[in-house]
């Protein structure tokens, strides 16, 4: 299993409840958007899969600090770059999505 797991037919969700790759949340009505939330983790070493849960929880915490109930349209981007003056590559992860508030 990768970063996503499928719980509903044709719908992909992150393993962390509250972070969704779709533009809706099943069974919930979205009241308003609170804007885009982004989390960047630089210098990831070793197995990214082992670190992803911690990264996703920090991302969700940022959204909740804005008053969000969930994050929709979430995406993960990863890459590497050569740190200046070093012969080592640095890995980074960027996760972003739209923080939303549900109708009461």
C-alpha atoms as a PDB file:
ATOM      1  CA  UNK A   1       0.000   0.000   0.000  1.00  0.00           C
ATOM      2  CA  UNK A   2       1.275   3.444  -0.853  1.00  0.00           C
ATOM      3  CA  UNK A   3       0.235   6.808   0.543  1.00  0.00           C
ATOM      4  CA  UNK A   4      -3.395   6.271  -0.411  1.00  0.00           C
ATOM      5  CA  UNK A   5      -5.903   3.566   0.333  1.00  0.00           C
ATOM      6  CA  UNK A   6      -9.332   3.179  -1.224  1.00  0.00           C
ATOM      7  CA  UNK A   7     -12.283   2.983   1.168  1.00  0.00           C
ATOM      8  CA  UNK A   8     -15.076   3.803  -1.273  1.00  0.00           C
ATOM      9  CA  UNK A   9     -15.505   2.788  -4.887  1.00  0.00           C
ATOM     10  CA  UNK A  10     -13.556   5.122  -7.198  1.00  0.00           C
ATOM     11  CA  UNK A  11     -12.505   7.389  -4.303  1.00  0.00           C
ATOM     12  CA  UNK A  12      -8.970   7.716  -2.945  1.00  0.00           C
ATOM     13  CA  UNK A  13      -8.333   8.930   0.585  1.00  0.00           C
ATOM     14  CA  UNK A  14      -5.211   9.449   2.619  1.00  0.00           C
ATOM     15  CA  UNK A  15      -4.687   7.051   5.511  1.00  0.00           C
ATOM     16  CA  UNK A  16      -5.272   9.902   7.972  1.00  0.00           C
ATOM     17  CA  UNK A  17      -8.936  10.724   8.658  1.00  0.00           C
ATOM     18  CA  UNK A  18      -9.590  14.349   7.701  1.00  0.00           C
ATOM     19  CA  UNK A  19      -7.345  14.478   4.612  1.00  0.00           C
ATOM     20  CA  UNK A  20      -9.056  13.716   1.303  1.00  0.00           C
ATOM     21  CA  UNK A  21      -7.866  13.629  -2.298  1.00  0.00           C
ATOM     22  CA  UNK A  22     -11.360  14.356  -3.639  1.00  0.00           C
ATOM     23  CA  UNK A  23     -13.133  17.700  -3.724  1.00  0.00           C
ATOM     24  CA  UNK A  24     -15.807  16.446  -1.289  1.00  0.00           C
ATOM     25  CA  UNK A  25     -16.161  14.464   1.912  1.00  0.00           C
ATOM     26  CA  UNK A  26     -18.698  11.619   1.831  1.00  0.00           C
ATOM     27  CA  UNK A  27     -21.700  12.387   4.044  1.00  0.00           C
ATOM     28  CA  UNK A  28     -20.622  15.984   4.778  1.00  0.00           C
ATOM     29  CA  UNK A  29     -21.663  19.319   3.343  1.00  0.00           C
ATOM     30  CA  UNK A  30     -18.933  21.940   3.026  1.00  0.00           C
ATOM     31  CA  UNK A  31     -19.902  25.337   4.410  1.00  0.00           C
ATOM     32  CA  UNK A  32     -16.848  27.302   3.302  1.00  0.00           C
ATOM     33  CA  UNK A  33     -13.270  27.159   2.142  1.00  0.00           C
ATOM     34  CA  UNK A  34     -10.588  28.504   4.448  1.00  0.00           C
ATOM     35  CA  UNK A  35      -7.957  28.589   1.705  1.00  0.00           C
ATOM     36  CA  UNK A  36      -4.981  26.510   0.713  1.00  0.00           C
ATOM     37  CA  UNK A  37      -2.835  24.950   3.400  1.00  0.00           C
ATOM     38  CA  UNK A  38       0.711  23.755   2.618  1.00  0.00           C
ATOM     39  CA  UNK A  39       3.284  21.796   4.595  1.00  0.00           C
ATOM     40  CA  UNK A  40       6.885  21.383   3.422  1.00  0.00           C
ATOM     41  CA  UNK A  41       9.337  18.898   4.928  1.00  0.00           C
ATOM     42  CA  UNK A  42      12.931  19.235   3.744  1.00  0.00           C
ATOM     43  CA  UNK A  43      15.823  16.927   4.438  1.00  0.00           C
ATOM     44  CA  UNK A  44      13.810  13.715   4.559  1.00  0.00           C
ATOM     45  CA  UNK A  45      16.199  10.842   5.104  1.00  0.00           C
ATOM     46  CA  UNK A  46      15.632   7.128   4.806  1.00  0.00           C
ATOM     47  CA  UNK A  47      12.270   5.561   4.104  1.00  0.00           C
ATOM     48  CA  UNK A  48       9.713   8.260   3.244  1.00  0.00           C
ATOM     49  CA  UNK A  49       6.833   5.828   3.784  1.00  0.00           C
ATOM     50  CA  UNK A  50       7.841   5.518   7.450  1.00  0.00           C
ATOM     51  CA  UNK A  51       7.725   9.315   7.855  1.00  0.00           C
ATOM     52  CA  UNK A  52       4.544  10.004   5.909  1.00  0.00           C
ATOM     53  CA  UNK A  53       2.114   9.509   8.808  1.00  0.00           C
ATOM     54  CA  UNK A  54       3.929  12.106  10.908  1.00  0.00           C
ATOM     55  CA  UNK A  55       4.028  14.507   7.949  1.00  0.00           C
ATOM     56  CA  UNK A  56       0.308  14.059   7.274  1.00  0.00           C
ATOM     57  CA  UNK A  57      -0.557  14.641  10.937  1.00  0.00           C
ATOM     58  CA  UNK A  58       1.445  17.900  10.964  1.00  0.00           C
ATOM     59  CA  UNK A  59      -0.298  18.966   7.740  1.00  0.00           C
ATOM     60  CA  UNK A  60      -3.729  18.283   9.245  1.00  0.00           C
ATOM     61  CA  UNK A  61      -2.769  20.141  12.431  1.00  0.00           C
ATOM     62  CA  UNK A  62      -1.922  23.241  10.324  1.00  0.00           C
ATOM     63  CA  UNK A  63      -5.357  23.073   8.712  1.00  0.00           C
ATOM     64  CA  UNK A  64      -7.089  22.647  12.068  1.00  0.00           C
ATOM     65  CA  UNK A  65      -5.205  25.683  13.416  1.00  0.00           C
ATOM     66  CA  UNK A  66      -6.971  27.666  10.644  1.00  0.00           C
ATOM     67  CA  UNK A  67     -10.309  26.313  11.922  1.00  0.00           C
ATOM     68  CA  UNK A  68     -10.721  23.566   9.303  1.00  0.00           C
ATOM     69  CA  UNK A  69     -12.637  20.346   9.833  1.00  0.00           C
ATOM     70  CA  UNK A  70     -10.849  18.646   6.925  1.00  0.00           C
ATOM     71  CA  UNK A  71      -8.596  19.160   3.903  1.00  0.00           C
ATOM     72  CA  UNK A  72      -9.868  18.305   0.423  1.00  0.00           C
ATOM     73  CA  UNK A  73      -8.091  18.145  -2.957  1.00  0.00           C
ATOM     74  CA  UNK A  74      -4.925  17.063  -1.129  1.00  0.00           C
ATOM     75  CA  UNK A  75      -1.783  16.297  -3.112  1.00  0.00           C
ATOM     76  CA  UNK A  76       1.750  15.178  -2.313  1.00  0.00           C
ATOM     77  CA  UNK A  77       4.814  16.132  -4.330  1.00  0.00           C
ATOM     78  CA  UNK A  78       8.305  14.852  -3.639  1.00  0.00           C
ATOM     79  CA  UNK A  79      11.666  15.589  -5.140  1.00  0.00           C
ATOM     80  CA  UNK A  80      15.357  16.001  -4.518  1.00  0.00           C
ATOM     81  CA  UNK A  81      17.917  18.711  -5.003  1.00  0.00           C
ATOM     82  CA  UNK A  82      21.663  18.981  -4.644  1.00  0.00           C
ATOM     83  CA  UNK A  83      22.561  20.994  -1.578  1.00  0.00           C
ATOM     84  CA  UNK A  84      25.130  23.659  -2.425  1.00  0.00           C
ATOM     85  CA  UNK A  85      28.635  22.652  -1.432  1.00  0.00           C
ATOM     86  CA  UNK A  86      27.597  19.072  -0.794  1.00  0.00           C
ATOM     87  CA  UNK A  87      27.698  15.943  -2.865  1.00  0.00           C
ATOM     88  CA  UNK A  88      24.478  14.710  -1.218  1.00  0.00           C
ATOM     89  CA  UNK A  89      20.945  14.970  -2.508  1.00  0.00           C
ATOM     90  CA  UNK A  90      18.296  16.427  -0.200  1.00  0.00           C
ATOM     91  CA  UNK A  91      14.785  14.986  -0.399  1.00  0.00           C
ATOM     92  CA  UNK A  92      11.707  17.112   0.229  1.00  0.00           C
ATOM     93  CA  UNK A  93       7.976  16.514   0.505  1.00  0.00           C
ATOM     94  CA  UNK A  94       5.315  19.118  -0.204  1.00  0.00           C
ATOM     95  CA  UNK A  95       1.715  18.397   0.725  1.00  0.00           C
ATOM     96  CA  UNK A  96      -1.070  20.845  -0.013  1.00  0.00           C
ATOM     97  CA  UNK A  97      -4.849  21.015  -0.158  1.00  0.00           C
ATOM     98  CA  UNK A  98      -7.905  23.147   0.541  1.00  0.00           C
ATOM     99  CA  UNK A  99      -8.899  23.590   4.186  1.00  0.00           C
ATOM    100  CA  UNK A 100     -12.683  23.432   4.597  1.00  0.00           C
ATOM    101  CA  UNK A 101     -15.302  23.904   7.293  1.00  0.00           C
ATOM    102  CA  UNK A 102     -18.390  21.636   7.383  1.00  0.00           C
ATOM    103  CA  UNK A 103     -21.986  22.797   7.796  1.00  0.00           C
ATOM    104  CA  UNK A 104     -23.205  22.213  11.349  1.00  0.00           C
END
